[in-house]
Amino acid sequence: MIATVLIVIVALIHAYIVVLEMALWTSPRGRNAFGMSVEKAELTKVLAANQGLYNGFLVAGLAWGLWLGAGGFQIKVFFLACVLVAGLYGAATVSRKILLVQAVPATLALIALALRL
């Protein structure tokens, strides 16, 4: 049960990231979230939408695993591991904030899943 709640939280975080990257990138909310100027946001909006699409795949994979219930164990592990790796890479290359927003929740969900919590 705890693992399921944590996986839902990870999926919701990434769903929000999808919205930020695909729909709100050039808005004040999107620019503030990623610390960008209007000019930089306009120049990078196509790249951001591409990133958003990939985050959407993570959401879809987590939702698929949740939908399968106990039978989706390996799918949940795979997609949580993808989130963890992306979070670690983002923290190393973009912002340490990504560690807290993506990698830590994914790690907690993986631990809960492994312990069958």
PDB file of N, CA and C in Angstrom:
ATOM      1  N   MET A   1       0.813  -1.204   0.000  1.00  0.00           N
ATOM      2  CA  MET A   1       0.000   0.000   0.000  1.00  0.00           C
ATOM      3  C   MET A   1       0.859   1.272   0.000  1.00  0.00           C
ATOM      4  N   ILE A   2       1.897   1.289   0.839  1.00  0.00           N
ATOM      5  CA  ILE A   2       2.791   2.453   0.883  1.00  0.00           C
ATOM      6  C   ILE A   2       3.481   2.614  -0.464  1.00  0.00           C
ATOM      7  N   ALA A   3       3.933   1.494  -1.038  1.00  0.00           N
ATOM      8  CA  ALA A   3       4.599   1.547  -2.344  1.00  0.00           C
ATOM      9  C   ALA A   3       3.664   2.131  -3.396  1.00  0.00           C
ATOM     10  N   THR A   4       2.421   1.712  -3.379  1.00  0.00           N
ATOM     11  CA  THR A   4       1.446   2.212  -4.354  1.00  0.00           C
ATOM     12  C   THR A   4       1.264   3.716  -4.211  1.00  0.00           C
ATOM     13  N   VAL A   5       1.136   4.191  -2.982  1.00  0.00           N
ATOM     14  CA  VAL A   5       0.977   5.633  -2.746  1.00  0.00           C
ATOM     15  C   VAL A   5       2.205   6.387  -3.250  1.00  0.00           C
ATOM     16  N   LEU A   6       3.393   5.868  -2.963  1.00  0.00           N
ATOM     17  CA  LEU A   6       4.621   6.540  -3.413  1.00  0.00           C
ATOM     18  C   LEU A   6       4.741   6.531  -4.937  1.00  0.00           C
ATOM     19  N   ILE A   7       4.344   5.441  -5.562  1.00  0.00           N
ATOM     20  CA  ILE A   7       4.388   5.379  -7.031  1.00  0.00           C
ATOM     21  C   ILE A   7       3.399   6.381  -7.632  1.00  0.00           C
ATOM     22  N   VAL A   8       2.233   6.492  -7.044  1.00  0.00           N
ATOM     23  CA  VAL A   8       1.258   7.491  -7.509  1.00  0.00           C
ATOM     24  C   VAL A   8       1.843   8.892  -7.373  1.00  0.00           C
ATOM     25  N   ILE A   9       2.524   9.168  -6.266  1.00  0.00           N
ATOM     26  CA  ILE A   9       3.147  10.483  -6.067  1.00  0.00           C
ATOM     27  C   ILE A   9       4.197  10.740  -7.144  1.00  0.00           C
ATOM     28  N   VAL A  10       5.044   9.746  -7.420  1.00  0.00           N
ATOM     29  CA  VAL A  10       6.064   9.900  -8.473  1.00  0.00           C
ATOM     30  C   VAL A  10       5.389  10.165  -9.820  1.00  0.00           C
ATOM     31  N   ALA A  11       4.335   9.422 -10.122  1.00  0.00           N
ATOM     32  CA  ALA A  11       3.622   9.616 -11.393  1.00  0.00           C
ATOM     33  C   ALA A  11       3.005  11.015 -11.459  1.00  0.00           C
ATOM     34  N   LEU A  12       2.426  11.475 -10.362  1.00  0.00           N
ATOM     35  CA  LEU A  12       1.820  12.822 -10.350  1.00  0.00           C
ATOM     36  C   LEU A  12       2.872  13.917 -10.504  1.00  0.00           C
ATOM     37  N   ILE A  13       4.012  13.735  -9.863  1.00  0.00           N
ATOM     38  CA  ILE A  13       5.115  14.707 -10.032  1.00  0.00           C
ATOM     39  C   ILE A  13       5.476  14.803 -11.506  1.00  0.00           C
ATOM     40  N   HIS A  14       5.611  13.652 -12.154  1.00  0.00           N
ATOM     41  CA  HIS A  14       6.001  13.661 -13.568  1.00  0.00           C
ATOM     42  C   HIS A  14       4.885  14.142 -14.477  1.00  0.00           C
ATOM     43  N   ALA A  15       3.648  13.901 -14.097  1.00  0.00           N
ATOM     44  CA  ALA A  15       2.534  14.452 -14.875  1.00  0.00           C
ATOM     45  C   ALA A  15       2.581  15.980 -14.825  1.00  0.00           C
ATOM     46  N   TYR A  16       2.885  16.521 -13.660  1.00  0.00           N
ATOM     47  CA  TYR A  16       3.015  17.973 -13.524  1.00  0.00           C
ATOM     48  C   TYR A  16       4.188  18.487 -14.367  1.00  0.00           C
ATOM     49  N   ILE A  17       5.290  17.738 -14.364  1.00  0.00           N
ATOM     50  CA  ILE A  17       6.441  18.129 -15.185  1.00  0.00           C
ATOM     51  C   ILE A  17       6.062  18.122 -16.661  1.00  0.00           C
ATOM     52  N   VAL A  18       5.260  17.137 -17.080  1.00  0.00           N
ATOM     53  CA  VAL A  18       4.785  17.095 -18.468  1.00  0.00           C
ATOM     54  C   VAL A  18       4.046  18.385 -18.795  1.00  0.00           C
ATOM     55  N   VAL A  19       3.143  18.795 -17.925  1.00  0.00           N
ATOM     56  CA  VAL A  19       2.370  20.025 -18.156  1.00  0.00           C
ATOM     57  C   VAL A  19       3.304  21.235 -18.209  1.00  0.00           C
ATOM     58  N   LEU A  20       4.241  21.311 -17.267  1.00  0.00           N
ATOM     59  CA  LEU A  20       5.185  22.434 -17.275  1.00  0.00           C
ATOM     60  C   LEU A  20       5.992  22.488 -18.570  1.00  0.00           C
ATOM     61  N   GLU A  21       6.490  21.332 -18.999  1.00  0.00           N
ATOM     62  CA  GLU A  21       7.379  21.314 -20.164  1.00  0.00           C
ATOM     63  C   GLU A  21       6.644  21.418 -21.489  1.00  0.00           C
ATOM     64  N   MET A  22       5.437  20.889 -21.556  1.00  0.00           N
ATOM     65  CA  MET A  22       4.732  20.876 -22.840  1.00  0.00           C
ATOM     66  C   MET A  22       3.746  22.024 -23.011  1.00  0.00           C
ATOM     67  N   ALA A  23       3.185  22.533 -21.920  1.00  0.00           N
ATOM     68  CA  ALA A  23       2.139  23.552 -22.042  1.00  0.00           C
ATOM     69  C   ALA A  23       2.493  24.878 -21.389  1.00  0.00           C
ATOM     70  N   LEU A  24       3.283  24.848 -20.337  1.00  0.00           N
ATOM     71  CA  LEU A  24       3.534  26.078 -19.571  1.00  0.00           C
ATOM     72  C   LEU A  24       4.965  26.583 -19.657  1.00  0.00           C
ATOM     73  N   TRP A  25       5.758  26.013 -20.529  1.00  0.00           N
ATOM     74  CA  TRP A  25       7.188  26.334 -20.594  1.00  0.00           C
ATOM     75  C   TRP A  25       7.459  27.835 -20.716  1.00  0.00           C
ATOM     76  N   THR A  26       6.732  28.526 -21.567  1.00  0.00           N
ATOM     77  CA  THR A  26       6.998  29.949 -21.787  1.00  0.00           C
ATOM     78  C   THR A  26       6.164  30.852 -20.878  1.00  0.00           C
ATOM     79  N   SER A  27       5.292  30.270 -20.076  1.00  0.00           N
ATOM     80  CA  SER A  27       4.468  31.069 -19.152  1.00  0.00           C
ATOM     81  C   SER A  27       5.307  31.472 -17.942  1.00  0.00           C
ATOM     82  N   PRO A  28       4.854  32.455 -17.187  1.00  0.00           N
ATOM     83  CA  PRO A  28       5.585  32.828 -15.965  1.00  0.00           C
ATOM     84  C   PRO A  28       5.808  31.637 -15.027  1.00  0.00           C
ATOM     85  N   ARG A  29       4.811  30.793 -14.885  1.00  0.00           N
ATOM     86  CA  ARG A  29       4.952  29.622 -14.003  1.00  0.00           C
ATOM     87  C   ARG A  29       6.049  28.688 -14.506  1.00  0.00           C
ATOM     88  N   GLY A  30       6.058  28.402 -15.780  1.00  0.00           N
ATOM     89  CA  GLY A  30       7.076  27.534 -16.362  1.00  0.00           C
ATOM     90  C   GLY A  30       8.462  28.136 -16.275  1.00  0.00           C
ATOM     91  N   ARG A  31       8.562  29.411 -16.608  1.00  0.00           N
ATOM     92  CA  ARG A  31       9.871  30.073 -16.544  1.00  0.00           C
ATOM     93  C   ARG A  31      10.395  30.110 -15.119  1.00  0.00           C
ATOM     94  N   ASN A  32       9.524  30.380 -14.155  1.00  0.00           N
ATOM     95  CA  ASN A  32       9.951  30.418 -12.752  1.00  0.00           C
ATOM     96  C   ASN A  32      10.395  29.038 -12.274  1.00  0.00           C
ATOM     97  N   ALA A  33       9.675  28.006 -12.677  1.00  0.00           N
ATOM     98  CA  ALA A  33      10.012  26.642 -12.255  1.00  0.00           C
ATOM     99  C   ALA A  33      11.411  26.244 -12.713  1.00  0.00           C
ATOM    100  N   PHE A  34      11.799  26.737 -13.892  1.00  0.00           N
ATOM    101  CA  PHE A  34      13.088  26.345 -14.458  1.00  0.00           C
ATOM    102  C   PHE A  34      14.099  27.496 -14.492  1.00  0.00           C
ATOM    103  N   GLY A  35      13.734  28.639 -13.905  1.00  0.00           N
ATOM    104  CA  GLY A  35      14.656  29.768 -13.799  1.00  0.00           C
ATOM    105  C   GLY A  35      15.130  30.305 -15.133  1.00  0.00           C
ATOM    106  N   MET A  36      14.182  30.591 -16.033  1.00  0.00           N
ATOM    107  CA  MET A  36      14.557  31.052 -17.369  1.00  0.00           C
ATOM    108  C   MET A  36      13.978  32.413 -17.705  1.00  0.00           C
ATOM    109  N   SER A  37      14.678  33.088 -18.579  1.00  0.00           N
ATOM    110  CA  SER A  37      14.172  34.340 -19.131  1.00  0.00           C
ATOM    111  C   SER A  37      13.139  34.029 -20.204  1.00  0.00           C
ATOM    112  N   VAL A  38      12.390  35.052 -20.602  1.00  0.00           N
ATOM    113  CA  VAL A  38      11.416  34.901 -21.682  1.00  0.00           C
ATOM    114  C   VAL A  38      12.134  34.432 -22.959  1.00  0.00           C
ATOM    115  N   GLU A  39      13.275  35.048 -23.241  1.00  0.00           N
ATOM    116  CA  GLU A  39      14.014  34.725 -24.459  1.00  0.00           C
ATOM    117  C   GLU A  39      14.484  33.272 -24.471  1.00  0.00           C
ATOM    118  N   LYS A  40      15.055  32.826 -23.352  1.00  0.00           N
ATOM    119  CA  LYS A  40      15.554  31.442 -23.277  1.00  0.00           C
ATOM    120  C   LYS A  40      14.399  30.452 -23.387  1.00  0.00           C
ATOM    121  N   ALA A  41      13.278  30.760 -22.757  1.00  0.00           N
ATOM    122  CA  ALA A  41      12.114  29.876 -22.824  1.00  0.00           C
ATOM    123  C   ALA A  41      11.623  29.748 -24.264  1.00  0.00           C
ATOM    124  N   GLU A  42      11.566  30.852 -24.968  1.00  0.00           N
ATOM    125  CA  GLU A  42      11.120  30.812 -26.369  1.00  0.00           C
ATOM    126  C   GLU A  42      12.075  29.999 -27.231  1.00  0.00           C
ATOM    127  N   LEU A  43      13.382  30.155 -26.993  1.00  0.00           N
ATOM    128  CA  LEU A  43      14.375  29.431 -27.792  1.00  0.00           C
ATOM    129  C   LEU A  43      14.369  27.930 -27.512  1.00  0.00           C
ATOM    130  N   THR A  44      13.935  27.531 -26.340  1.00  0.00           N
ATOM    131  CA  THR A  44      14.041  26.126 -25.943  1.00  0.00           C
ATOM    132  C   THR A  44      12.694  25.406 -25.838  1.00  0.00           C
ATOM    133  N   LYS A  45      11.614  26.046 -26.258  1.00  0.00           N
ATOM    134  CA  LYS A  45      10.293  25.451 -26.039  1.00  0.00           C
ATOM    135  C   LYS A  45      10.082  24.133 -26.794  1.00  0.00           C
ATOM    136  N   VAL A  46      10.677  23.973 -27.952  1.00  0.00           N
ATOM    137  CA  VAL A  46      10.524  22.714 -28.686  1.00  0.00           C
ATOM    138  C   VAL A  46      11.300  21.598 -27.968  1.00  0.00           C
ATOM    139  N   LEU A  47      12.481  21.912 -27.483  1.00  0.00           N
ATOM    140  CA  LEU A  47      13.256  20.928 -26.717  1.00  0.00           C
ATOM    141  C   LEU A  47      12.517  20.541 -25.439  1.00  0.00           C
ATOM    142  N   ALA A  48      11.920  21.527 -24.782  1.00  0.00           N
ATOM    143  CA  ALA A  48      11.175  21.257 -23.557  1.00  0.00           C
ATOM    144  C   ALA A  48       9.976  20.355 -23.824  1.00  0.00           C
ATOM    145  N   ALA A  49       9.290  20.593 -24.919  1.00  0.00           N
ATOM    146  CA  ALA A  49       8.139  19.753 -25.262  1.00  0.00           C
ATOM    147  C   ALA A  49       8.588  18.310 -25.495  1.00  0.00           C
ATOM    148  N   ASN A  50       9.757  18.137 -26.102  1.00  0.00           N
ATOM    149  CA  ASN A  50      10.306  16.803 -26.304  1.00  0.00           C
ATOM    150  C   ASN A  50      10.591  16.144 -24.962  1.00  0.00           C
ATOM    151  N   GLN A  51      11.191  16.878 -24.040  1.00  0.00           N
ATOM    152  CA  GLN A  51      11.439  16.368 -22.684  1.00  0.00           C
ATOM    153  C   GLN A  51      10.123  16.005 -22.009  1.00  0.00           C
ATOM    154  N   GLY A  52       9.133  16.843 -22.193  1.00  0.00           N
ATOM    155  CA  GLY A  52       7.828  16.587 -21.599  1.00  0.00           C
ATOM    156  C   GLY A  52       7.234  15.295 -22.109  1.00  0.00           C
ATOM    157  N   LEU A  53       7.413  15.028 -23.389  1.00  0.00           N
ATOM    158  CA  LEU A  53       6.906  13.791 -23.969  1.00  0.00           C
ATOM    159  C   LEU A  53       7.560  12.587 -23.298  1.00  0.00           C
ATOM    160  N   TYR A  54       8.869  12.639 -23.092  1.00  0.00           N
ATOM    161  CA  TYR A  54       9.566  11.542 -22.422  1.00  0.00           C
ATOM    162  C   TYR A  54       9.077  11.383 -20.983  1.00  0.00           C
ATOM    163  N   ASN A  55       8.840  12.474 -20.292  1.00  0.00           N
ATOM    164  CA  ASN A  55       8.283  12.386 -18.940  1.00  0.00           C
ATOM    165  C   ASN A  55       6.894  11.761 -18.981  1.00  0.00           C
ATOM    166  N   GLY A  56       6.153  12.036 -20.034  1.00  0.00           N
ATOM    167  CA  GLY A  56       4.850  11.418 -20.201  1.00  0.00           C
ATOM    168  C   GLY A  56       4.951   9.901 -20.343  1.00  0.00           C
ATOM    169  N   PHE A  57       6.003   9.430 -21.004  1.00  0.00           N
ATOM    170  CA  PHE A  57       6.213   7.985 -21.112  1.00  0.00           C
ATOM    171  C   PHE A  57       6.479   7.372 -19.741  1.00  0.00           C
ATOM    172  N   LEU A  58       7.198   8.098 -18.887  1.00  0.00           N
ATOM    173  CA  LEU A  58       7.428   7.608 -17.523  1.00  0.00           C
ATOM    174  C   LEU A  58       6.108   7.497 -16.766  1.00  0.00           C
ATOM    175  N   VAL A  59       5.270   8.510 -16.906  1.00  0.00           N
ATOM    176  CA  VAL A  59       3.943   8.486 -16.261  1.00  0.00           C
ATOM    177  C   VAL A  59       3.136   7.296 -16.779  1.00  0.00           C
ATOM    178  N   ALA A  60       3.135   7.105 -18.084  1.00  0.00           N
ATOM    179  CA  ALA A  60       2.375   5.998 -18.678  1.00  0.00           C
ATOM    180  C   ALA A  60       2.880   4.646 -18.174  1.00  0.00           C
ATOM    181  N   GLY A  61       4.189   4.497 -18.076  1.00  0.00           N
ATOM    182  CA  GLY A  61       4.753   3.245 -17.586  1.00  0.00           C
ATOM    183  C   GLY A  61       4.395   2.982 -16.137  1.00  0.00           C
ATOM    184  N   LEU A  62       4.463   4.009 -15.312  1.00  0.00           N
ATOM    185  CA  LEU A  62       4.089   3.840 -13.902  1.00  0.00           C
ATOM    186  C   LEU A  62       2.603   3.524 -13.772  1.00  0.00           C
ATOM    187  N   ALA A  63       1.784   4.203 -14.558  1.00  0.00           N
ATOM    188  CA  ALA A  63       0.339   3.939 -14.527  1.00  0.00           C
ATOM    189  C   ALA A  63       0.047   2.506 -14.983  1.00  0.00           C
ATOM    190  N   TRP A  64       0.756   2.048 -15.996  1.00  0.00           N
ATOM    191  CA  TRP A  64       0.602   0.673 -16.489  1.00  0.00           C
ATOM    192  C   TRP A  64       0.928  -0.324 -15.378  1.00  0.00           C
ATOM    193  N   GLY A  65       2.060  -0.104 -14.710  1.00  0.00           N
ATOM    194  CA  GLY A  65       2.447  -0.984 -13.618  1.00  0.00           C
ATOM    195  C   GLY A  65       1.422  -0.985 -12.499  1.00  0.00           C
ATOM    196  N   LEU A  66       0.910   0.191 -12.162  1.00  0.00           N
ATOM    197  CA  LEU A  66      -0.116   0.275 -11.119  1.00  0.00           C
ATOM    198  C   LEU A  66      -1.393  -0.442 -11.546  1.00  0.00           C
ATOM    199  N   TRP A  67      -1.771  -0.279 -12.789  1.00  0.00           N
ATOM    200  CA  TRP A  67      -2.976  -0.908 -13.314  1.00  0.00           C
ATOM    201  C   TRP A  67      -2.887  -2.437 -13.228  1.00  0.00           C
ATOM    202  N   LEU A  68      -1.679  -2.971 -13.425  1.00  0.00           N
ATOM    203  CA  LEU A  68      -1.479  -4.419 -13.370  1.00  0.00           C
ATOM    204  C   LEU A  68      -1.431  -4.955 -11.939  1.00  0.00           C
ATOM    205  N   GLY A  69      -1.345  -4.073 -10.972  1.00  0.00           N
ATOM    206  CA  GLY A  69      -1.300  -4.509  -9.575  1.00  0.00           C
ATOM    207  C   GLY A  69      -0.025  -5.273  -9.277  1.00  0.00           C
ATOM    208  N   ALA A  70      -0.172  -6.359  -8.523  1.00  0.00           N
ATOM    209  CA  ALA A  70       0.996  -7.158  -8.138  1.00  0.00           C
ATOM    210  C   ALA A  70       1.708  -7.728  -9.365  1.00  0.00           C
ATOM    211  N   GLY A  71       0.975  -7.986 -10.419  1.00  0.00           N
ATOM    212  CA  GLY A  71       1.561  -8.511 -11.649  1.00  0.00           C
ATOM    213  C   GLY A  71       2.432  -7.506 -12.381  1.00  0.00           C
ATOM    214  N   GLY A  72       2.356  -6.248 -11.995  1.00  0.00           N
ATOM    215  CA  GLY A  72       3.154  -5.207 -12.631  1.00  0.00           C
ATOM    216  C   GLY A  72       4.422  -4.863 -11.880  1.00  0.00           C
ATOM    217  N   PHE A  73       4.844  -5.747 -10.980  1.00  0.00           N
ATOM    218  CA  PHE A  73       6.019  -5.478 -10.145  1.00  0.00           C
ATOM    219  C   PHE A  73       7.240  -5.082 -10.976  1.00  0.00           C
ATOM    220  N   GLN A  74       7.593  -5.884 -11.968  1.00  0.00           N
ATOM    221  CA  GLN A  74       8.794  -5.609 -12.763  1.00  0.00           C
ATOM    222  C   GLN A  74       8.655  -4.321 -13.573  1.00  0.00           C
ATOM    223  N   ILE A  75       7.463  -4.043 -14.039  1.00  0.00           N
ATOM    224  CA  ILE A  75       7.228  -2.803 -14.792  1.00  0.00           C
ATOM    225  C   ILE A  75       7.413  -1.602 -13.875  1.00  0.00           C
ATOM    226  N   LYS A  76       6.888  -1.683 -12.667  1.00  0.00           N
ATOM    227  CA  LYS A  76       7.050  -0.599 -11.694  1.00  0.00           C
ATOM    228  C   LYS A  76       8.526  -0.382 -11.376  1.00  0.00           C
ATOM    229  N   VAL A  77       9.241  -1.481 -11.152  1.00  0.00           N
ATOM    230  CA  VAL A  77      10.680  -1.372 -10.859  1.00  0.00           C
ATOM    231  C   VAL A  77      11.400  -0.718 -12.031  1.00  0.00           C
ATOM    232  N   PHE A  78      11.108  -1.158 -13.240  1.00  0.00           N
ATOM    233  CA  PHE A  78      11.793  -0.600 -14.410  1.00  0.00           C
ATOM    234  C   PHE A  78      11.555   0.910 -14.533  1.00  0.00           C
ATOM    235  N   PHE A  79      10.293   1.329 -14.468  1.00  0.00           N
ATOM    236  CA  PHE A  79      10.010   2.748 -14.671  1.00  0.00           C
ATOM    237  C   PHE A  79      10.473   3.614 -13.501  1.00  0.00           C
ATOM    238  N   LEU A  80      10.408   3.088 -12.287  1.00  0.00           N
ATOM    239  CA  LEU A  80      10.971   3.830 -11.154  1.00  0.00           C
ATOM    240  C   LEU A  80      12.487   3.957 -11.296  1.00  0.00           C
ATOM    241  N   ALA A  81      13.141   2.901 -11.780  1.00  0.00           N
ATOM    242  CA  ALA A  81      14.588   2.969 -12.015  1.00  0.00           C
ATOM    243  C   ALA A  81      14.909   3.999 -13.094  1.00  0.00           C
ATOM    244  N   CYS A  82      14.067   4.081 -14.127  1.00  0.00           N
ATOM    245  CA  CYS A  82      14.257   5.107 -15.161  1.00  0.00           C
ATOM    246  C   CYS A  82      14.156   6.506 -14.555  1.00  0.00           C
ATOM    247  N   VAL A  83      13.163   6.712 -13.701  1.00  0.00           N
ATOM    248  CA  VAL A  83      13.002   8.008 -13.037  1.00  0.00           C
ATOM    249  C   VAL A  83      14.230   8.298 -12.176  1.00  0.00           C
ATOM    250  N   LEU A  84      14.692   7.308 -11.440  1.00  0.00           N
ATOM    251  CA  LEU A  84      15.868   7.487 -10.579  1.00  0.00           C
ATOM    252  C   LEU A  84      17.096   7.871 -11.389  1.00  0.00           C
ATOM    253  N   VAL A  85      17.357   7.153 -12.466  1.00  0.00           N
ATOM    254  CA  VAL A  85      18.526   7.458 -13.307  1.00  0.00           C
ATOM    255  C   VAL A  85      18.399   8.857 -13.911  1.00  0.00           C
ATOM    256  N   ALA A  86      17.212   9.198 -14.412  1.00  0.00           N
ATOM    257  CA  ALA A  86      16.998  10.533 -14.979  1.00  0.00           C
ATOM    258  C   ALA A  86      17.195  11.603 -13.901  1.00  0.00           C
ATOM    259  N   GLY A  87      16.717  11.331 -12.698  1.00  0.00           N
ATOM    260  CA  GLY A  87      16.882  12.283 -11.597  1.00  0.00           C
ATOM    261  C   GLY A  87      18.334  12.466 -11.210  1.00  0.00           C
ATOM    262  N   LEU A  88      19.089  11.375 -11.162  1.00  0.00           N
ATOM    263  CA  LEU A  88      20.521  11.468 -10.842  1.00  0.00           C
ATOM    264  C   LEU A  88      21.277  12.232 -11.927  1.00  0.00           C
ATOM    265  N   TYR A  89      20.951  11.921 -13.174  1.00  0.00           N
ATOM    266  CA  TYR A  89      21.614  12.619 -14.285  1.00  0.00           C
ATOM    267  C   TYR A  89      21.262  14.108 -14.274  1.00  0.00           C
ATOM    268  N   GLY A  90      19.989  14.410 -14.078  1.00  0.00           N
ATOM    269  CA  GLY A  90      19.567  15.810 -14.019  1.00  0.00           C
ATOM    270  C   GLY A  90      20.209  16.560 -12.866  1.00  0.00           C
ATOM    271  N   ALA A  91      20.339  15.901 -11.718  1.00  0.00           N
ATOM    272  CA  ALA A  91      20.978  16.539 -10.561  1.00  0.00           C
ATOM    273  C   ALA A  91      22.455  16.808 -10.825  1.00  0.00           C
ATOM    274  N   ALA A  92      23.093  15.897 -11.551  1.00  0.00           N
ATOM    275  CA  ALA A  92      24.520  16.058 -11.852  1.00  0.00           C
ATOM    276  C   ALA A  92      24.777  17.091 -12.940  1.00  0.00           C
ATOM    277  N   THR A  93      23.822  17.271 -13.851  1.00  0.00           N
ATOM    278  CA  THR A  93      24.081  18.126 -15.014  1.00  0.00           C
ATOM    279  C   THR A  93      23.287  19.430 -15.056  1.00  0.00           C
ATOM    280  N   VAL A  94      22.168  19.490 -14.335  1.00  0.00           N
ATOM    281  CA  VAL A  94      21.311  20.664 -14.446  1.00  0.00           C
ATOM    282  C   VAL A  94      21.137  21.374 -13.102  1.00  0.00           C
ATOM    283  N   SER A  95      20.576  20.658 -12.127  1.00  0.00           N
ATOM    284  CA  SER A  95      20.287  21.280 -10.841  1.00  0.00           C
ATOM    285  C   SER A  95      20.160  20.216  -9.764  1.00  0.00           C
ATOM    286  N   ARG A  96      20.733  20.460  -8.613  1.00  0.00           N
ATOM    287  CA  ARG A  96      20.611  19.511  -7.501  1.00  0.00           C
ATOM    288  C   ARG A  96      19.176  19.391  -7.019  1.00  0.00           C
ATOM    289  N   LYS A  97      18.361  20.372  -7.314  1.00  0.00           N
ATOM    290  CA  LYS A  97      16.946  20.332  -6.952  1.00  0.00           C
ATOM    291  C   LYS A  97      16.258  19.099  -7.547  1.00  0.00           C
ATOM    292  N   ILE A  98      16.727  18.668  -8.706  1.00  0.00           N
ATOM    293  CA  ILE A  98      16.152  17.510  -9.385  1.00  0.00           C
ATOM    294  C   ILE A  98      16.338  16.243  -8.546  1.00  0.00           C
ATOM    295  N   LEU A  99      17.410  16.199  -7.773  1.00  0.00           N
ATOM    296  CA  LEU A  99      17.636  15.068  -6.891  1.00  0.00           C
ATOM    297  C   LEU A  99      16.464  14.914  -5.920  1.00  0.00           C
ATOM    298  N   LEU A 100      16.038  16.023  -5.338  1.00  0.00           N
ATOM    299  CA  LEU A 100      14.939  15.987  -4.376  1.00  0.00           C
ATOM    300  C   LEU A 100      13.586  15.784  -5.031  1.00  0.00           C
ATOM    301  N   VAL A 101      13.400  16.365  -6.200  1.00  0.00           N
ATOM    302  CA  VAL A 101      12.090  16.306  -6.857  1.00  0.00           C
ATOM    303  C   VAL A 101      11.858  14.955  -7.540  1.00  0.00           C
ATOM    304  N   GLN A 102      12.900  14.360  -8.111  1.00  0.00           N
ATOM    305  CA  GLN A 102      12.724  13.134  -8.882  1.00  0.00           C
ATOM    306  C   GLN A 102      13.391  11.916  -8.252  1.00  0.00           C
ATOM    307  N   ALA A 103      14.680  12.014  -7.958  1.00  0.00           N
ATOM    308  CA  ALA A 103      15.430  10.834  -7.531  1.00  0.00           C
ATOM    309  C   ALA A 103      15.012  10.329  -6.148  1.00  0.00           C
ATOM    310  N   VAL A 104      14.836  11.223  -5.203  1.00  0.00           N
ATOM    311  CA  VAL A 104      14.473  10.785  -3.846  1.00  0.00           C
ATOM    312  C   VAL A 104      13.100  10.108  -3.817  1.00  0.00           C
ATOM    313  N   PRO A 105      12.054  10.711  -4.403  1.00  0.00           N
ATOM    314  CA  PRO A 105      10.763  10.004  -4.396  1.00  0.00           C
ATOM    315  C   PRO A 105      10.820   8.646  -5.100  1.00  0.00           C
ATOM    316  N   ALA A 106      11.544   8.558  -6.204  1.00  0.00           N
ATOM    317  CA  ALA A 106      11.662   7.282  -6.917  1.00  0.00           C
ATOM    318  C   ALA A 106      12.397   6.251  -6.056  1.00  0.00           C
ATOM    319  N   THR A 107      13.428   6.679  -5.360  1.00  0.00           N
ATOM    320  CA  THR A 107      14.176   5.777  -4.480  1.00  0.00           C
ATOM    321  C   THR A 107      13.291   5.262  -3.349  1.00  0.00           C
ATOM    322  N   LEU A 108      12.543   6.161  -2.737  1.00  0.00           N
ATOM    323  CA  LEU A 108      11.643   5.747  -1.657  1.00  0.00           C
ATOM    324  C   LEU A 108      10.596   4.759  -2.165  1.00  0.00           C
ATOM    325  N   ALA A 109      10.071   5.013  -3.355  1.00  0.00           N
ATOM    326  CA  ALA A 109       9.085   4.085  -3.934  1.00  0.00           C
ATOM    327  C   ALA A 109       9.705   2.738  -4.238  1.00  0.00           C
ATOM    328  N   LEU A 110      10.932   2.732  -4.764  1.00  0.00           N
ATOM    329  CA  LEU A 110      11.625   1.477  -5.034  1.00  0.00           C
ATOM    330  C   LEU A 110      11.860   0.681  -3.757  1.00  0.00           C
ATOM    331  N   ILE A 111      12.282   1.354  -2.710  1.00  0.00           N
ATOM    332  CA  ILE A 111      12.526   0.682  -1.417  1.00  0.00           C
ATOM    333  C   ILE A 111      11.221   0.085  -0.895  1.00  0.00           C
ATOM    334  N   ALA A 112      10.158   0.887  -0.914  1.00  0.00           N
ATOM    335  CA  ALA A 112       8.854   0.393  -0.430  1.00  0.00           C
ATOM    336  C   ALA A 112       8.373  -0.792  -1.271  1.00  0.00           C
ATOM    337  N   LEU A 113       8.598  -0.726  -2.576  1.00  0.00           N
ATOM    338  CA  LEU A 113       8.198  -1.807  -3.465  1.00  0.00           C
ATOM    339  C   LEU A 113       9.007  -3.072  -3.162  1.00  0.00           C
ATOM    340  N   ALA A 114      10.301  -2.913  -2.979  1.00  0.00           N
ATOM    341  CA  ALA A 114      11.168  -4.069  -2.689  1.00  0.00           C
ATOM    342  C   ALA A 114      10.808  -4.714  -1.352  1.00  0.00           C
ATOM    343  N   LEU A 115      10.414  -3.893  -0.394  1.00  0.00           N
ATOM    344  CA  LEU A 115      10.050  -4.409   0.935  1.00  0.00           C
ATOM    345  C   LEU A 115       8.600  -4.852   1.006  1.00  0.00           C
ATOM    346  N   ARG A 116       7.905  -4.712  -0.115  1.00  0.00           N
ATOM    347  CA  ARG A 116       6.481  -5.078  -0.204  1.00  0.00           C
ATOM    348  C   ARG A 116       5.643  -4.323   0.819  1.00  0.00           C
ATOM    349  N   LEU A 117       5.971  -3.037   0.969  1.00  0.00           N
ATOM    350  CA  LEU A 117       5.196  -2.188   1.905  1.00  0.00           C
ATOM    351  C   LEU A 117       3.972  -1.595   1.228  1.00  0.00           C
TER     352      LEU A 117
END
